[in-house]
Amino acid sequence: MAANEEFSFVFQPDLEQVSQLMKGAWARPCWDYDADLLRAHIERPTADPRLNVGQVSDEGKLASFQAYIPFEVIYHGQPLRTVFASFLTVSPEFHGRGLAGPQQGRLIDKAIEQRYDAYLTMCEVGAASNWAVEKIFAKKGLEVKVVNLFGYLAGVRDLIDPILPQQPSGHTRLYEKSDRPAVLGLANRFGREVPLRKIVVEADLDFILADRPYARTYVFQVKGEVRGAINLLLLNVVHPDGTKQLNVYFDNVFFNGLAPDDQQHFVEDVLLDLRAAGYHTAFVPQIGYLPTERFKQLRFRGAPRQINLYLAPLRDGVLAEGIRPVDSFYLDVY
């Protein structure tokens, strides 16, 4: 699919330029879209930077951007090579120039050329991005459907702190790279009962848990054995007045080796340690792959934001039973 007149595609655009584009485009409150935040999501070792695309005006200005992030997933028991579409951005300077459609179309073409099986994306309910996704897939004669609607639990530190224990359990510490085999085993066993889940591969594990910007990971030991892991992101949110507020996003939570009481101690230990970071609010996606009772006991409550999870096959016959909804899933939630 060709770029619009007066614009040209650029693959693997400079992330500092992308950061400036996003900071000027997104309505606040929003994440502080610096280059490290982008790297945290799109430079995973098994990712493919060639699936990052922008459009540049004749004057050389970066006008738009989107990234496709590859994941191996299991969908209703079927292995699939998927791309996860994220960070769709168009500069306010170029709104109304029809950039989103050609950009999405070119990435869909590229994913099909590279023999990916399916497409995934997430759009906030009511946002224009829902319409843009449905329109471009209809234009290409491809089916796309919402397979899950989900939200978040949010916990405010001022409400959480008073009910935390005075001291940690003594079982929790920060992840070390020597923990990789144990945590990889937890990741590969966790979420097997959900109908859609990403596969965490060893090549990515240290990046996800330790090396990517803004990440922090804790492990929980029982009799010297790592039995649980919690990985989270510490991200600044920029408000309309320019002030920043640190929020915590629980990203990968592996409880499968822990009894309910130990799960509770683990979450409490993590929140005790996070006090020093000065966070304001912590978020947990309600996507069904982990028990959220431990968070609810610590005054986490449902947040109003709702997200659509879309799925589309990219090749004829790749989904023998078609697109089916999922009542739970384990994927990155950006």
Protein backbone atom coordinates (compact mmCIF):
# COMPACT_ATOMS: atom_id res chain seq x y z
CA MET A 1 0.00 0.00 0.00
CA ALA A 2 1.45 3.37 -1.02
CA ALA A 3 1.90 6.41 1.20
CA ASN A 4 -0.26 9.45 0.57
CA GLU A 5 0.92 12.06 -1.89
CA GLU A 6 3.53 14.40 -0.33
CA PHE A 7 4.52 11.71 2.19
CA SER A 8 6.85 8.72 2.06
CA PHE A 9 7.26 5.67 4.28
CA VAL A 10 10.31 5.37 6.52
CA PHE A 11 11.08 2.09 8.28
CA GLN A 12 12.89 1.99 11.63
CA PRO A 13 12.61 5.74 12.23
CA ASP A 14 14.81 7.27 14.91
CA LEU A 15 13.14 6.71 18.28
CA GLU A 16 14.09 10.16 19.56
CA GLN A 17 12.10 11.64 16.68
CA VAL A 18 9.24 9.24 17.40
CA SER A 19 9.31 10.34 21.04
CA GLN A 20 8.96 13.99 20.04
CA LEU A 21 6.11 13.09 17.69
CA MET A 22 4.23 11.28 20.46
CA LYS A 23 4.80 13.98 23.06
CA GLY A 24 3.27 16.50 20.70
CA ALA A 25 0.39 14.30 19.63
CA TRP A 26 -1.10 12.55 22.64
CA ALA A 27 -3.73 14.26 24.77
CA ARG A 28 -2.77 14.45 28.43
CA PRO A 29 -2.81 12.71 30.84
CA CYS A 30 -0.66 10.16 29.01
CA TRP A 31 2.59 8.32 29.46
CA ASP A 32 5.82 10.28 29.18
CA TYR A 33 6.65 8.92 25.74
CA ASP A 34 10.44 9.06 25.81
CA ALA A 35 12.67 6.89 23.62
CA ASP A 36 13.40 4.48 26.48
CA LEU A 37 9.69 3.75 26.92
CA LEU A 38 9.49 2.86 23.24
CA ARG A 39 12.59 0.67 23.49
CA ALA A 40 11.02 -1.14 26.43
CA HIS A 41 8.27 -2.39 24.14
CA ILE A 42 9.67 -2.60 20.62
CA GLU A 43 13.32 -3.61 21.05
CA ARG A 44 12.82 -6.98 22.70
CA PRO A 45 15.49 -9.41 21.37
CA THR A 46 12.97 -11.41 19.33
CA ALA A 47 11.15 -8.31 18.08
CA ASP A 48 11.59 -7.06 14.51
CA PRO A 49 12.46 -3.34 14.20
CA ARG A 50 11.72 -3.59 10.45
CA LEU A 51 8.06 -3.61 11.45
CA ASN A 52 8.34 -0.07 12.87
CA VAL A 53 7.13 2.41 10.26
CA GLY A 54 6.49 6.12 9.98
CA GLN A 55 5.59 8.59 7.28
CA VAL A 56 7.72 11.62 6.49
CA SER A 57 6.48 14.77 4.78
CA ASP A 58 8.23 16.33 1.79
CA GLU A 59 9.78 18.78 4.26
CA GLY A 60 11.33 15.88 6.19
CA LYS A 61 9.03 16.00 9.23
CA LEU A 62 8.02 12.73 10.85
CA ALA A 63 4.25 12.86 10.54
CA SER A 64 3.13 9.46 11.85
CA PHE A 65 4.32 6.21 13.40
CA GLN A 66 3.21 2.69 14.28
CA ALA A 67 4.98 -0.47 15.47
CA TYR A 68 4.11 -4.13 14.95
CA ILE A 69 5.56 -6.33 17.67
CA PRO A 70 5.88 -10.07 16.93
CA PHE A 71 4.65 -12.65 19.43
CA GLU A 72 4.22 -16.38 19.37
CA VAL A 73 0.83 -17.17 20.91
CA ILE A 74 -1.46 -20.11 21.58
CA TYR A 75 -5.05 -19.35 20.54
CA HIS A 76 -7.67 -21.97 21.45
CA GLY A 77 -4.89 -24.56 21.40
CA GLN A 78 -3.43 -23.44 18.05
CA PRO A 79 0.10 -21.98 17.79
CA LEU A 80 0.15 -18.72 15.82
CA ARG A 81 2.80 -16.24 14.72
CA THR A 82 1.18 -12.89 15.43
CA VAL A 83 1.95 -9.20 15.22
CA PHE A 84 0.73 -6.88 17.95
CA ALA A 85 -0.02 -3.36 16.62
CA SER A 86 0.81 -0.52 18.97
CA PHE A 87 1.70 3.18 19.25
CA LEU A 88 -0.38 4.42 16.31
CA THR A 89 0.32 8.16 16.26
CA VAL A 90 -0.36 11.00 13.82
CA SER A 91 1.07 14.47 14.32
CA PRO A 92 -1.64 17.12 14.98
CA GLU A 93 0.03 19.17 12.24
CA PHE A 94 -1.02 16.56 9.70
CA HIS A 95 -4.46 15.55 10.97
CA GLY A 96 -6.98 15.17 8.20
CA ARG A 97 -4.36 14.14 5.65
CA GLY A 98 -5.38 10.48 5.65
CA LEU A 99 -2.14 9.08 7.10
CA ALA A 100 -3.43 6.39 9.47
CA GLY A 101 -5.02 4.19 6.79
CA PRO A 102 -2.05 3.89 4.39
CA GLN A 103 0.34 3.36 7.30
CA GLN A 104 -1.73 0.56 8.81
CA GLY A 105 -2.27 -0.91 5.35
CA ARG A 106 1.46 -0.98 4.62
CA LEU A 107 2.18 -2.75 7.89
CA ILE A 108 -0.56 -5.31 7.26
CA ASP A 109 0.97 -5.94 3.82
CA LYS A 110 4.41 -6.34 5.37
CA ALA A 111 3.12 -8.76 8.02
CA ILE A 112 1.43 -10.84 5.31
CA GLU A 113 4.61 -10.81 3.22
CA GLN A 114 6.52 -12.16 6.20
CA ARG A 115 3.96 -14.96 6.64
CA TYR A 116 2.56 -13.93 10.00
CA ASP A 117 -0.65 -15.76 10.85
CA ALA A 118 -2.66 -13.16 12.72
CA TYR A 119 -2.92 -9.59 13.96
CA LEU A 120 -3.71 -8.35 17.47
CA THR A 121 -4.30 -4.86 18.79
CA MET A 122 -5.95 -3.07 21.71
CA CYS A 123 -8.07 0.08 21.43
CA GLU A 124 -9.72 2.07 24.18
CA VAL A 125 -13.50 1.86 23.93
CA GLY A 126 -14.84 4.91 22.12
CA ALA A 127 -11.48 5.94 20.62
CA ALA A 128 -11.13 6.70 16.91
CA SER A 129 -8.55 3.90 16.67
CA ASN A 130 -11.37 1.31 16.78
CA TRP A 131 -12.93 2.79 13.66
CA ALA A 132 -9.52 3.06 11.95
CA VAL A 133 -8.75 -0.64 12.56
CA GLU A 134 -12.17 -1.80 11.35
CA LYS A 135 -12.02 0.46 8.28
CA ILE A 136 -8.59 -0.66 7.03
CA PHE A 137 -9.37 -4.36 7.47
CA ALA A 138 -12.67 -3.94 5.65
CA LYS A 139 -10.85 -2.14 2.85
CA LYS A 140 -8.44 -5.07 2.54
CA GLY A 141 -11.25 -7.64 2.64
CA LEU A 142 -9.96 -9.13 5.90
CA GLU A 143 -12.07 -10.02 8.91
CA VAL A 144 -11.29 -8.41 12.28
CA LYS A 145 -13.29 -8.82 15.48
CA VAL A 146 -13.23 -7.83 19.12
CA VAL A 147 -12.50 -11.02 21.07
CA ASN A 148 -12.37 -9.59 24.59
CA LEU A 149 -13.34 -6.45 26.51
CA PHE A 150 -11.25 -5.79 29.60
CA GLY A 151 -10.39 -3.19 32.20
CA TYR A 152 -7.98 -2.53 35.05
CA LEU A 153 -7.78 -2.65 38.80
CA ALA A 154 -6.24 0.51 40.26
CA GLY A 155 -4.77 0.96 43.71
CA VAL A 156 -3.92 4.39 45.15
CA ARG A 157 -0.89 4.40 47.39
CA ASP A 158 -2.52 6.60 50.05
CA LEU A 159 -5.21 3.93 50.50
CA ILE A 160 -2.86 0.95 50.28
CA ASP A 161 -0.10 2.04 52.66
CA PRO A 162 -2.16 2.06 55.88
CA ILE A 163 -3.11 -1.62 55.54
CA LEU A 164 0.31 -2.98 54.58
CA PRO A 165 2.26 -4.95 57.20
CA GLN A 166 4.99 -3.16 59.08
CA GLN A 167 7.70 -5.50 57.81
CA PRO A 168 8.16 -7.61 54.64
CA SER A 169 7.85 -11.37 54.78
CA GLY A 170 11.54 -12.01 54.18
CA HIS A 171 10.79 -14.19 51.15
CA THR A 172 10.93 -11.49 48.43
CA ARG A 173 13.97 -10.08 46.64
CA LEU A 174 14.85 -8.53 43.30
CA TYR A 175 15.32 -10.78 40.28
CA GLU A 176 18.86 -11.87 39.40
CA LYS A 177 19.84 -13.32 36.04
CA SER A 178 20.73 -16.59 37.75
CA ASP A 179 16.97 -16.90 38.42
CA ARG A 180 16.28 -17.21 34.68
CA PRO A 181 15.69 -21.02 34.56
CA ALA A 182 13.29 -20.97 37.50
CA VAL A 183 11.29 -17.97 36.24
CA LEU A 184 11.19 -19.31 32.68
CA GLY A 185 9.64 -22.49 34.07
CA LEU A 186 7.02 -20.43 35.91
CA ALA A 187 6.25 -18.42 32.77
CA ASN A 188 5.89 -21.48 30.57
CA ARG A 189 3.54 -23.20 33.01
CA PHE A 190 1.46 -20.16 33.87
CA GLY A 191 -1.69 -19.27 31.98
CA ARG A 192 -2.02 -22.63 30.22
CA GLU A 193 -5.74 -22.68 31.00
CA VAL A 194 -6.50 -19.40 29.19
CA PRO A 195 -7.57 -19.57 25.51
CA LEU A 196 -5.08 -16.92 24.32
CA ARG A 197 -1.59 -16.58 25.71
CA LYS A 198 1.80 -15.36 24.58
CA ILE A 199 4.80 -17.68 24.72
CA VAL A 200 7.68 -16.26 26.75
CA VAL A 201 10.95 -17.43 25.20
CA GLU A 202 14.31 -17.63 26.96
CA ALA A 203 15.93 -15.16 24.54
CA ASP A 204 13.58 -12.43 25.78
CA LEU A 205 13.47 -13.21 29.47
CA ASP A 206 16.37 -11.14 30.82
CA PHE A 207 15.27 -8.19 28.68
CA ILE A 208 11.69 -8.37 29.93
CA LEU A 209 12.61 -8.85 33.57
CA ALA A 210 15.85 -6.91 34.03
CA ASP A 211 17.30 -5.09 31.02
CA ARG A 212 14.44 -3.13 29.50
CA PRO A 213 14.04 0.48 30.66
CA TYR A 214 11.67 1.14 33.57
CA ALA A 215 11.32 -2.56 34.45
CA ARG A 216 11.62 -4.03 37.94
CA THR A 217 11.16 -7.68 38.83
CA TYR A 218 10.78 -9.45 42.16
CA VAL A 219 10.93 -13.15 43.01
CA PHE A 220 9.44 -14.98 45.98
CA GLN A 221 11.42 -17.82 47.55
CA VAL A 222 10.15 -20.70 49.63
CA LYS A 223 12.89 -22.79 51.27
CA GLY A 224 15.42 -21.32 48.85
CA GLU A 225 13.37 -22.13 45.73
CA VAL A 226 11.94 -19.42 43.46
CA ARG A 227 8.20 -20.08 43.46
CA GLY A 228 6.78 -16.81 42.11
CA ALA A 229 7.73 -13.70 40.12
CA ILE A 230 6.24 -10.24 39.65
CA ASN A 231 7.45 -7.99 36.84
CA LEU A 232 6.27 -4.40 36.63
CA LEU A 233 6.95 -1.10 34.90
CA LEU A 234 7.44 2.24 36.64
CA LEU A 235 6.17 4.87 34.21
CA ASN A 236 5.61 8.60 34.50
CA VAL A 237 2.24 10.00 33.48
CA VAL A 238 2.24 13.60 32.21
CA HIS A 239 -0.74 15.72 33.24
CA PRO A 240 -2.23 18.67 31.31
CA ASP A 241 -0.29 21.17 33.43
CA GLY A 242 3.00 19.42 32.63
CA THR A 243 3.47 17.82 36.03
CA LYS A 244 4.48 14.15 36.17
CA GLN A 245 3.18 11.39 38.39
CA LEU A 246 4.80 7.97 38.75
CA ASN A 247 2.49 5.00 38.22
CA VAL A 248 3.16 1.27 38.53
CA TYR A 249 1.93 -1.23 35.91
CA PHE A 250 1.95 -4.90 36.88
CA ASP A 251 3.01 -6.57 33.62
CA ASN A 252 3.88 -10.24 34.23
CA VAL A 253 2.69 -11.90 37.44
CA PHE A 254 3.49 -15.57 38.02
CA PHE A 255 1.76 -16.94 41.11
CA ASN A 256 1.51 -20.58 40.04
CA GLY A 257 3.99 -21.93 42.57
CA LEU A 258 2.52 -20.12 45.57
CA ALA A 259 -0.20 -20.84 48.11
CA PRO A 260 -2.82 -18.06 48.52
CA ASP A 261 -1.23 -16.74 51.73
CA ASP A 262 2.16 -16.53 50.04
CA GLN A 263 0.60 -14.74 47.07
CA GLN A 264 -0.73 -12.15 49.50
CA HIS A 265 2.64 -11.78 51.24
CA PHE A 266 4.35 -11.41 47.86
CA VAL A 267 2.11 -8.56 46.68
CA GLU A 268 2.45 -6.84 50.06
CA ASP A 269 6.26 -7.16 49.93
CA VAL A 270 6.36 -5.60 46.46
CA LEU A 271 4.14 -2.69 47.46
CA LEU A 272 6.22 -2.10 50.59
CA ASP A 273 9.37 -1.91 48.48
CA LEU A 274 7.73 0.41 45.94
CA ARG A 275 7.11 3.05 48.60
CA ALA A 276 10.64 4.33 48.08
CA ALA A 277 9.94 4.90 44.39
CA GLY A 278 7.27 7.46 45.26
CA TYR A 279 4.52 6.02 43.06
CA HIS A 280 0.98 7.38 43.12
CA THR A 281 -1.22 4.64 41.58
CA ALA A 282 -0.67 0.98 40.71
CA PHE A 283 -2.57 -0.77 37.90
CA VAL A 284 -3.30 -4.45 37.26
CA PRO A 285 -4.97 -5.52 33.99
CA GLN A 286 -8.07 -7.66 34.55
CA ILE A 287 -7.40 -10.15 31.76
CA GLY A 288 -8.07 -13.37 33.59
CA TYR A 289 -4.72 -15.10 33.64
CA LEU A 290 -3.94 -14.37 37.29
CA PRO A 291 -6.02 -14.31 40.47
CA THR A 292 -6.71 -10.66 41.38
CA GLU A 293 -8.14 -11.34 44.84
CA ARG A 294 -4.78 -10.51 46.43
CA PHE A 295 -4.90 -7.03 44.92
CA LYS A 296 -8.55 -6.47 45.81
CA GLN A 297 -7.73 -7.26 49.43
CA LEU A 298 -5.28 -4.34 49.26
CA ARG A 299 -7.97 -1.88 48.13
CA PHE A 300 -7.44 -2.15 44.39
CA ARG A 301 -10.72 -1.34 42.65
CA GLY A 302 -12.03 -1.35 39.09
CA ALA A 303 -10.91 1.63 36.98
CA PRO A 304 -13.34 3.15 34.42
CA ARG A 305 -11.14 2.65 31.35
CA GLN A 306 -12.27 -0.21 29.07
CA ILE A 307 -10.22 -1.74 26.24
CA ASN A 308 -11.19 -3.78 23.17
CA LEU A 309 -8.87 -6.63 22.16
CA TYR A 310 -9.03 -7.17 18.38
CA LEU A 311 -7.88 -10.23 16.45
CA ALA A 312 -7.67 -10.78 12.68
CA PRO A 313 -6.32 -13.70 10.63
CA LEU A 314 -3.84 -12.59 7.98
CA ARG A 315 -4.01 -15.67 5.75
CA ASP A 316 -6.93 -17.69 4.39
CA GLY A 317 -7.65 -20.80 6.41
CA VAL A 318 -5.22 -20.00 9.21
CA LEU A 319 -8.08 -20.20 11.76
CA ALA A 320 -9.99 -23.37 10.98
CA GLU A 321 -12.86 -22.41 13.30
CA GLY A 322 -12.77 -18.69 12.57
CA ILE A 323 -12.38 -15.85 15.05
CA ARG A 324 -13.70 -16.92 18.43
CA PRO A 325 -13.96 -14.80 21.60
CA VAL A 326 -11.72 -15.44 24.60
CA ASP A 327 -12.92 -15.05 28.16
CA SER A 328 -9.35 -14.54 29.42
CA PHE A 329 -5.85 -14.07 27.99
CA TYR A 330 -2.18 -13.47 28.80
CA LEU A 331 -0.62 -10.76 26.62
CA ASP A 332 1.28 -7.54 27.11
CA VAL A 333 -1.15 -4.70 27.80
CA TYR A 334 0.35 -1.42 26.63
